[in-house]
Amino acid sequence: MNYVPGTASLIDDIDKKHLVLLRDGRTLIGFLRSIDQFANLVFHQTVERIHVGKKFGDIPRGIFIVRGENVVLLGEIDVDKPCDTVLQQVSIEEILEEQRLQQQAKQETEKVKMQVLKDRGLSVPKADNLDEY
């Protein structure tokens, strides 16, 4: 097999099932339908997979266009390999509620950390102000 540089190497992967991890932390699973020279991707029959603990849920998204600069990881899924996961699939409503509770707990923990740092005389810039530095 010859080495093909850049996004041209993905041409062999068109019409195969892929998992893509985005820069914002989302995970998408779908069939790769198209690519371009900027690594922009078009997926078909896409689902957004949300993981919380040992549970996961899939939210149908249909056709999904991903800008190349947002891709962190892209990998082909072997559909012939049997699934031997210990994760439990749950409904969309249940996984969204679990995700909300997880984010709420994370915010509370972050709030406590910030208070402890403040009590010790340290200041940490807020995430929304980081672009100013």
N, C-alpha and C. Protein backbone atom coordinates (compact mmCIF):
# COMPACT_ATOMS: atom_id res chain seq x y z
N MET A 1 0.84 -1.18 0.00
CA MET A 1 0.00 0.00 0.00
C MET A 1 0.88 1.24 0.00
N ASN A 2 0.59 2.18 -0.86
CA ASN A 2 1.36 3.41 -0.96
C ASN A 2 0.86 4.42 0.06
N TYR A 3 1.81 5.23 0.55
CA TYR A 3 1.46 6.28 1.50
C TYR A 3 0.85 7.46 0.75
N VAL A 4 -0.30 7.91 1.22
CA VAL A 4 -0.96 9.08 0.63
C VAL A 4 -1.03 10.15 1.71
N PRO A 5 -0.41 11.30 1.49
CA PRO A 5 -0.40 12.34 2.53
C PRO A 5 -1.74 13.06 2.66
N GLY A 6 -1.97 13.62 3.84
CA GLY A 6 -3.13 14.46 4.07
C GLY A 6 -4.45 13.73 4.06
N THR A 7 -5.50 14.50 3.79
CA THR A 7 -6.85 13.95 3.84
C THR A 7 -7.13 12.97 2.71
N ALA A 8 -6.29 12.95 1.68
CA ALA A 8 -6.49 11.99 0.59
C ALA A 8 -6.41 10.56 1.10
N SER A 9 -5.72 10.36 2.22
CA SER A 9 -5.62 9.01 2.78
C SER A 9 -6.96 8.51 3.31
N LEU A 10 -7.94 9.40 3.49
CA LEU A 10 -9.25 9.00 3.99
C LEU A 10 -10.19 8.52 2.89
N ILE A 11 -9.77 8.63 1.65
CA ILE A 11 -10.65 8.24 0.55
C ILE A 11 -11.05 6.76 0.65
N ASP A 12 -10.13 5.92 1.11
CA ASP A 12 -10.44 4.50 1.28
C ASP A 12 -11.46 4.25 2.39
N ASP A 13 -11.65 5.23 3.28
CA ASP A 13 -12.55 5.07 4.42
C ASP A 13 -13.97 5.56 4.15
N ILE A 14 -14.23 6.10 2.97
CA ILE A 14 -15.58 6.57 2.65
C ILE A 14 -16.54 5.38 2.63
N ASP A 15 -17.73 5.60 3.13
CA ASP A 15 -18.81 4.61 3.24
C ASP A 15 -18.55 3.57 4.32
N LYS A 16 -17.62 3.85 5.22
CA LYS A 16 -17.37 2.97 6.37
C LYS A 16 -17.82 3.69 7.63
N LYS A 17 -18.14 2.91 8.66
CA LYS A 17 -18.60 3.47 9.92
C LYS A 17 -17.41 3.98 10.71
N HIS A 18 -17.53 5.21 11.23
CA HIS A 18 -16.45 5.84 11.97
C HIS A 18 -16.95 6.44 13.28
N LEU A 19 -16.01 6.60 14.19
CA LEU A 19 -16.23 7.33 15.43
C LEU A 19 -15.35 8.57 15.34
N VAL A 20 -15.90 9.72 15.66
CA VAL A 20 -15.11 10.95 15.65
C VAL A 20 -15.29 11.66 16.99
N LEU A 21 -14.17 12.05 17.59
CA LEU A 21 -14.17 12.81 18.83
C LEU A 21 -13.90 14.25 18.47
N LEU A 22 -14.80 15.14 18.90
CA LEU A 22 -14.69 16.55 18.56
C LEU A 22 -13.98 17.33 19.65
N ARG A 23 -13.51 18.50 19.28
CA ARG A 23 -12.77 19.36 20.20
C ARG A 23 -13.59 19.76 21.42
N ASP A 24 -14.92 19.86 21.27
CA ASP A 24 -15.77 20.22 22.40
C ASP A 24 -16.14 19.03 23.28
N GLY A 25 -15.58 17.84 22.97
CA GLY A 25 -15.80 16.66 23.80
C GLY A 25 -16.90 15.74 23.32
N ARG A 26 -17.65 16.14 22.32
CA ARG A 26 -18.72 15.28 21.82
C ARG A 26 -18.14 14.12 21.02
N THR A 27 -18.87 12.99 21.05
CA THR A 27 -18.50 11.80 20.30
C THR A 27 -19.61 11.52 19.30
N LEU A 28 -19.23 11.39 18.02
CA LEU A 28 -20.19 11.10 16.98
C LEU A 28 -19.84 9.76 16.33
N ILE A 29 -20.86 9.02 15.94
CA ILE A 29 -20.68 7.76 15.23
C ILE A 29 -21.57 7.80 14.00
N GLY A 30 -20.97 7.53 12.84
CA GLY A 30 -21.76 7.55 11.62
C GLY A 30 -20.94 7.06 10.44
N PHE A 31 -21.58 7.03 9.29
CA PHE A 31 -20.92 6.58 8.06
C PHE A 31 -20.30 7.79 7.36
N LEU A 32 -19.00 7.71 7.12
CA LEU A 32 -18.28 8.79 6.44
C LEU A 32 -18.72 8.81 4.98
N ARG A 33 -19.25 9.94 4.52
CA ARG A 33 -19.75 10.04 3.15
C ARG A 33 -18.87 10.93 2.27
N SER A 34 -18.22 11.94 2.85
CA SER A 34 -17.43 12.84 2.04
C SER A 34 -16.36 13.53 2.87
N ILE A 35 -15.27 13.91 2.21
CA ILE A 35 -14.18 14.68 2.84
C ILE A 35 -13.71 15.71 1.83
N ASP A 36 -12.98 16.72 2.30
CA ASP A 36 -12.36 17.66 1.39
C ASP A 36 -10.93 17.93 1.84
N GLN A 37 -10.26 18.86 1.15
CA GLN A 37 -8.85 19.11 1.42
C GLN A 37 -8.60 19.74 2.78
N PHE A 38 -9.65 20.25 3.44
CA PHE A 38 -9.51 20.85 4.76
C PHE A 38 -9.89 19.87 5.87
N ALA A 39 -10.10 18.62 5.52
CA ALA A 39 -10.51 17.56 6.45
C ALA A 39 -11.91 17.80 6.99
N ASN A 40 -12.72 18.60 6.29
CA ASN A 40 -14.14 18.69 6.65
C ASN A 40 -14.77 17.35 6.32
N LEU A 41 -15.65 16.88 7.19
CA LEU A 41 -16.23 15.54 7.06
C LEU A 41 -17.74 15.63 6.98
N VAL A 42 -18.34 14.75 6.21
CA VAL A 42 -19.79 14.61 6.16
C VAL A 42 -20.12 13.19 6.59
N PHE A 43 -20.98 13.09 7.61
CA PHE A 43 -21.42 11.79 8.12
C PHE A 43 -22.90 11.60 7.85
N HIS A 44 -23.28 10.34 7.65
CA HIS A 44 -24.66 9.96 7.39
C HIS A 44 -25.09 8.98 8.47
N GLN A 45 -26.36 8.99 8.83
CA GLN A 45 -26.89 8.13 9.90
C GLN A 45 -26.07 8.31 11.17
N THR A 46 -25.85 9.56 11.51
CA THR A 46 -24.99 9.90 12.65
C THR A 46 -25.77 9.85 13.96
N VAL A 47 -25.11 9.37 15.00
CA VAL A 47 -25.64 9.45 16.36
C VAL A 47 -24.59 10.12 17.23
N GLU A 48 -25.05 10.90 18.18
CA GLU A 48 -24.16 11.48 19.18
C GLU A 48 -24.20 10.57 20.39
N ARG A 49 -23.06 10.03 20.78
CA ARG A 49 -23.00 9.11 21.91
C ARG A 49 -22.56 9.86 23.15
N ILE A 50 -23.35 9.75 24.20
CA ILE A 50 -23.05 10.40 25.47
C ILE A 50 -22.73 9.32 26.49
N HIS A 51 -21.57 9.45 27.15
CA HIS A 51 -21.14 8.50 28.18
C HIS A 51 -21.22 9.17 29.55
N VAL A 52 -21.82 8.48 30.49
CA VAL A 52 -21.84 8.92 31.88
C VAL A 52 -21.64 7.68 32.74
N GLY A 53 -20.50 7.61 33.39
CA GLY A 53 -20.20 6.42 34.20
C GLY A 53 -20.17 5.19 33.32
N LYS A 54 -20.94 4.19 33.68
CA LYS A 54 -20.98 2.94 32.90
C LYS A 54 -22.24 2.87 32.02
N LYS A 55 -22.84 4.03 31.76
CA LYS A 55 -24.02 4.09 30.92
C LYS A 55 -23.72 4.94 29.68
N PHE A 56 -24.44 4.66 28.61
CA PHE A 56 -24.34 5.50 27.42
C PHE A 56 -25.68 5.56 26.72
N GLY A 57 -25.84 6.63 25.97
CA GLY A 57 -27.06 6.82 25.19
C GLY A 57 -26.71 7.42 23.84
N ASP A 58 -27.48 7.06 22.82
CA ASP A 58 -27.25 7.56 21.48
C ASP A 58 -28.40 8.48 21.08
N ILE A 59 -28.04 9.69 20.64
CA ILE A 59 -29.02 10.65 20.17
C ILE A 59 -28.90 10.71 18.65
N PRO A 60 -29.94 10.36 17.91
CA PRO A 60 -29.87 10.41 16.45
C PRO A 60 -29.69 11.85 15.96
N ARG A 61 -28.73 12.05 15.05
CA ARG A 61 -28.45 13.38 14.51
C ARG A 61 -28.60 13.45 12.99
N GLY A 62 -28.72 12.30 12.31
CA GLY A 62 -28.91 12.30 10.86
C GLY A 62 -27.63 12.64 10.11
N ILE A 63 -27.75 13.54 9.12
CA ILE A 63 -26.56 13.98 8.37
C ILE A 63 -25.86 15.04 9.20
N PHE A 64 -24.55 14.90 9.33
CA PHE A 64 -23.78 15.78 10.22
C PHE A 64 -22.53 16.23 9.49
N ILE A 65 -22.30 17.54 9.43
CA ILE A 65 -21.10 18.09 8.81
C ILE A 65 -20.17 18.55 9.92
N VAL A 66 -18.91 18.11 9.85
CA VAL A 66 -17.92 18.44 10.87
C VAL A 66 -16.80 19.24 10.21
N ARG A 67 -16.54 20.41 10.74
CA ARG A 67 -15.42 21.21 10.25
C ARG A 67 -14.12 20.53 10.68
N GLY A 68 -13.18 20.43 9.75
CA GLY A 68 -11.95 19.68 9.98
C GLY A 68 -11.17 20.10 11.21
N GLU A 69 -11.16 21.40 11.52
CA GLU A 69 -10.37 21.88 12.66
C GLU A 69 -10.95 21.43 14.01
N ASN A 70 -12.17 20.92 14.01
CA ASN A 70 -12.80 20.46 15.25
C ASN A 70 -12.58 18.98 15.53
N VAL A 71 -11.92 18.27 14.62
CA VAL A 71 -11.70 16.84 14.80
C VAL A 71 -10.46 16.61 15.65
N VAL A 72 -10.64 15.86 16.73
CA VAL A 72 -9.51 15.48 17.58
C VAL A 72 -9.05 14.08 17.21
N LEU A 73 -10.02 13.18 17.00
CA LEU A 73 -9.70 11.79 16.72
C LEU A 73 -10.75 11.23 15.76
N LEU A 74 -10.30 10.45 14.81
CA LEU A 74 -11.19 9.80 13.86
C LEU A 74 -10.74 8.36 13.71
N GLY A 75 -11.66 7.42 13.88
CA GLY A 75 -11.30 6.02 13.76
C GLY A 75 -12.43 5.20 13.17
N GLU A 76 -12.04 4.19 12.40
CA GLU A 76 -13.02 3.30 11.80
C GLU A 76 -13.52 2.32 12.84
N ILE A 77 -14.82 2.02 12.78
CA ILE A 77 -15.43 1.04 13.68
C ILE A 77 -15.56 -0.27 12.92
N ASP A 78 -15.08 -1.33 13.51
CA ASP A 78 -15.19 -2.65 12.89
C ASP A 78 -16.57 -3.21 13.20
N VAL A 79 -17.46 -3.17 12.22
CA VAL A 79 -18.84 -3.62 12.44
C VAL A 79 -18.95 -5.13 12.53
N ASP A 80 -17.93 -5.86 12.09
CA ASP A 80 -17.96 -7.32 12.15
C ASP A 80 -17.51 -7.86 13.51
N LYS A 81 -16.82 -7.04 14.28
CA LYS A 81 -16.33 -7.48 15.60
C LYS A 81 -17.47 -7.45 16.60
N PRO A 82 -17.64 -8.54 17.37
CA PRO A 82 -18.72 -8.55 18.37
C PRO A 82 -18.46 -7.52 19.47
N CYS A 83 -19.52 -6.93 19.96
CA CYS A 83 -19.43 -5.90 21.00
C CYS A 83 -19.30 -6.59 22.36
N ASP A 84 -18.20 -6.33 23.05
CA ASP A 84 -17.96 -6.93 24.37
C ASP A 84 -17.82 -5.85 25.43
N THR A 85 -18.69 -4.86 25.37
CA THR A 85 -18.61 -3.73 26.28
C THR A 85 -19.34 -4.02 27.60
N VAL A 86 -18.87 -3.37 28.66
CA VAL A 86 -19.53 -3.49 29.96
C VAL A 86 -20.47 -2.30 30.18
N LEU A 87 -20.57 -1.44 29.17
CA LEU A 87 -21.46 -0.29 29.29
C LEU A 87 -22.90 -0.69 29.04
N GLN A 88 -23.79 0.00 29.73
CA GLN A 88 -25.22 -0.27 29.60
C GLN A 88 -25.88 0.82 28.77
N GLN A 89 -26.60 0.45 27.72
CA GLN A 89 -27.29 1.45 26.91
C GLN A 89 -28.60 1.81 27.58
N VAL A 90 -28.85 3.14 27.67
CA VAL A 90 -30.07 3.63 28.30
C VAL A 90 -30.78 4.58 27.33
N SER A 91 -31.97 5.00 27.70
CA SER A 91 -32.76 5.89 26.84
C SER A 91 -32.13 7.28 26.76
N ILE A 92 -32.54 8.03 25.77
CA ILE A 92 -32.02 9.39 25.59
C ILE A 92 -32.34 10.25 26.81
N GLU A 93 -33.57 10.17 27.28
CA GLU A 93 -33.98 10.98 28.43
C GLU A 93 -33.14 10.66 29.66
N GLU A 94 -32.90 9.37 29.89
CA GLU A 94 -32.13 8.96 31.07
C GLU A 94 -30.68 9.42 30.99
N ILE A 95 -30.06 9.29 29.81
CA ILE A 95 -28.65 9.69 29.70
C ILE A 95 -28.51 11.21 29.79
N LEU A 96 -29.47 11.95 29.25
CA LEU A 96 -29.42 13.41 29.36
C LEU A 96 -29.57 13.86 30.81
N GLU A 97 -30.42 13.17 31.56
CA GLU A 97 -30.58 13.49 32.99
C GLU A 97 -29.30 13.15 33.75
N GLU A 98 -28.71 12.00 33.45
CA GLU A 98 -27.43 11.61 34.09
C GLU A 98 -26.34 12.64 33.77
N GLN A 99 -26.31 13.08 32.52
CA GLN A 99 -25.30 14.07 32.11
C GLN A 99 -25.52 15.39 32.85
N ARG A 100 -26.77 15.80 32.98
CA ARG A 100 -27.08 17.04 33.70
C ARG A 100 -26.64 16.96 35.15
N LEU A 101 -26.91 15.82 35.79
CA LEU A 101 -26.50 15.64 37.18
C LEU A 101 -24.98 15.62 37.32
N GLN A 102 -24.30 14.99 36.36
CA GLN A 102 -22.84 14.95 36.39
C GLN A 102 -22.25 16.36 36.23
N GLN A 103 -22.80 17.14 35.32
CA GLN A 103 -22.32 18.50 35.12
C GLN A 103 -22.60 19.38 36.33
N GLN A 104 -23.75 19.16 36.96
CA GLN A 104 -24.10 19.91 38.16
C GLN A 104 -23.12 19.59 39.29
N ALA A 105 -22.79 18.31 39.47
CA ALA A 105 -21.84 17.92 40.51
C ALA A 105 -20.46 18.50 40.22
N LYS A 106 -20.08 18.51 38.95
CA LYS A 106 -18.78 19.07 38.56
C LYS A 106 -18.72 20.57 38.86
N GLN A 107 -19.81 21.28 38.59
CA GLN A 107 -19.86 22.71 38.88
C GLN A 107 -19.77 22.98 40.38
N GLU A 108 -20.43 22.16 41.18
CA GLU A 108 -20.37 22.31 42.63
C GLU A 108 -18.94 22.08 43.14
N THR A 109 -18.29 21.04 42.62
CA THR A 109 -16.91 20.75 43.01
C THR A 109 -15.99 21.91 42.63
N GLU A 110 -16.20 22.45 41.44
CA GLU A 110 -15.39 23.58 40.96
C GLU A 110 -15.62 24.81 41.83
N LYS A 111 -16.85 25.00 42.25
CA LYS A 111 -17.20 26.14 43.11
C LYS A 111 -16.48 26.02 44.46
N VAL A 112 -16.44 24.82 45.01
CA VAL A 112 -15.75 24.58 46.29
C VAL A 112 -14.25 24.83 46.12
N LYS A 113 -13.67 24.35 45.01
CA LYS A 113 -12.24 24.57 44.76
C LYS A 113 -11.91 26.05 44.69
N MET A 114 -12.75 26.79 43.97
CA MET A 114 -12.52 28.23 43.82
C MET A 114 -12.61 28.93 45.17
N GLN A 115 -13.54 28.52 46.02
CA GLN A 115 -13.68 29.12 47.34
C GLN A 115 -12.46 28.83 48.21
N VAL A 116 -11.96 27.60 48.14
CA VAL A 116 -10.76 27.23 48.91
C VAL A 116 -9.56 28.07 48.45
N LEU A 117 -9.40 28.21 47.14
CA LEU A 117 -8.30 29.03 46.62
C LEU A 117 -8.46 30.48 47.03
N LYS A 118 -9.69 30.98 46.99
CA LYS A 118 -9.95 32.37 47.39
C LYS A 118 -9.63 32.57 48.87
N ASP A 119 -10.01 31.59 49.71
CA ASP A 119 -9.73 31.67 51.14
C ASP A 119 -8.23 31.69 51.42
N ARG A 120 -7.45 31.08 50.53
CA ARG A 120 -5.99 31.04 50.70
C ARG A 120 -5.29 32.23 50.02
N GLY A 121 -6.09 33.14 49.47
CA GLY A 121 -5.53 34.33 48.87
C GLY A 121 -5.08 34.18 47.43
N LEU A 122 -5.50 33.11 46.78
CA LEU A 122 -5.12 32.89 45.39
C LEU A 122 -6.30 33.23 44.49
N SER A 123 -5.98 33.75 43.33
CA SER A 123 -7.06 34.03 42.38
C SER A 123 -6.81 33.25 41.11
N VAL A 124 -7.87 32.67 40.58
CA VAL A 124 -7.80 31.91 39.35
C VAL A 124 -8.74 32.58 38.36
N PRO A 125 -8.24 32.90 37.15
CA PRO A 125 -9.14 33.54 36.20
C PRO A 125 -10.27 32.61 35.79
N LYS A 126 -11.43 33.16 35.55
CA LYS A 126 -12.58 32.37 35.09
C LYS A 126 -12.34 31.91 33.67
N ALA A 127 -12.95 30.80 33.29
CA ALA A 127 -12.75 30.21 31.96
C ALA A 127 -13.14 31.17 30.85
N ASP A 128 -14.18 31.98 31.06
CA ASP A 128 -14.61 32.88 30.00
C ASP A 128 -13.68 34.07 29.83
N ASN A 129 -12.78 34.30 30.78
CA ASN A 129 -11.82 35.40 30.67
C ASN A 129 -10.47 34.96 30.16
N LEU A 130 -10.28 33.67 29.93
CA LEU A 130 -8.97 33.16 29.53
C LEU A 130 -8.55 33.68 28.16
N ASP A 131 -9.49 34.00 27.30
CA ASP A 131 -9.13 34.50 25.98
C ASP A 131 -8.44 35.86 26.04
N GLU A 132 -8.63 36.59 27.12
CA GLU A 132 -8.04 37.91 27.26
C GLU A 132 -6.55 37.84 27.57
N TYR A 133 -6.04 36.70 27.99
CA TYR A 133 -4.63 36.60 28.39
C TYR A 133 -3.74 36.17 27.26
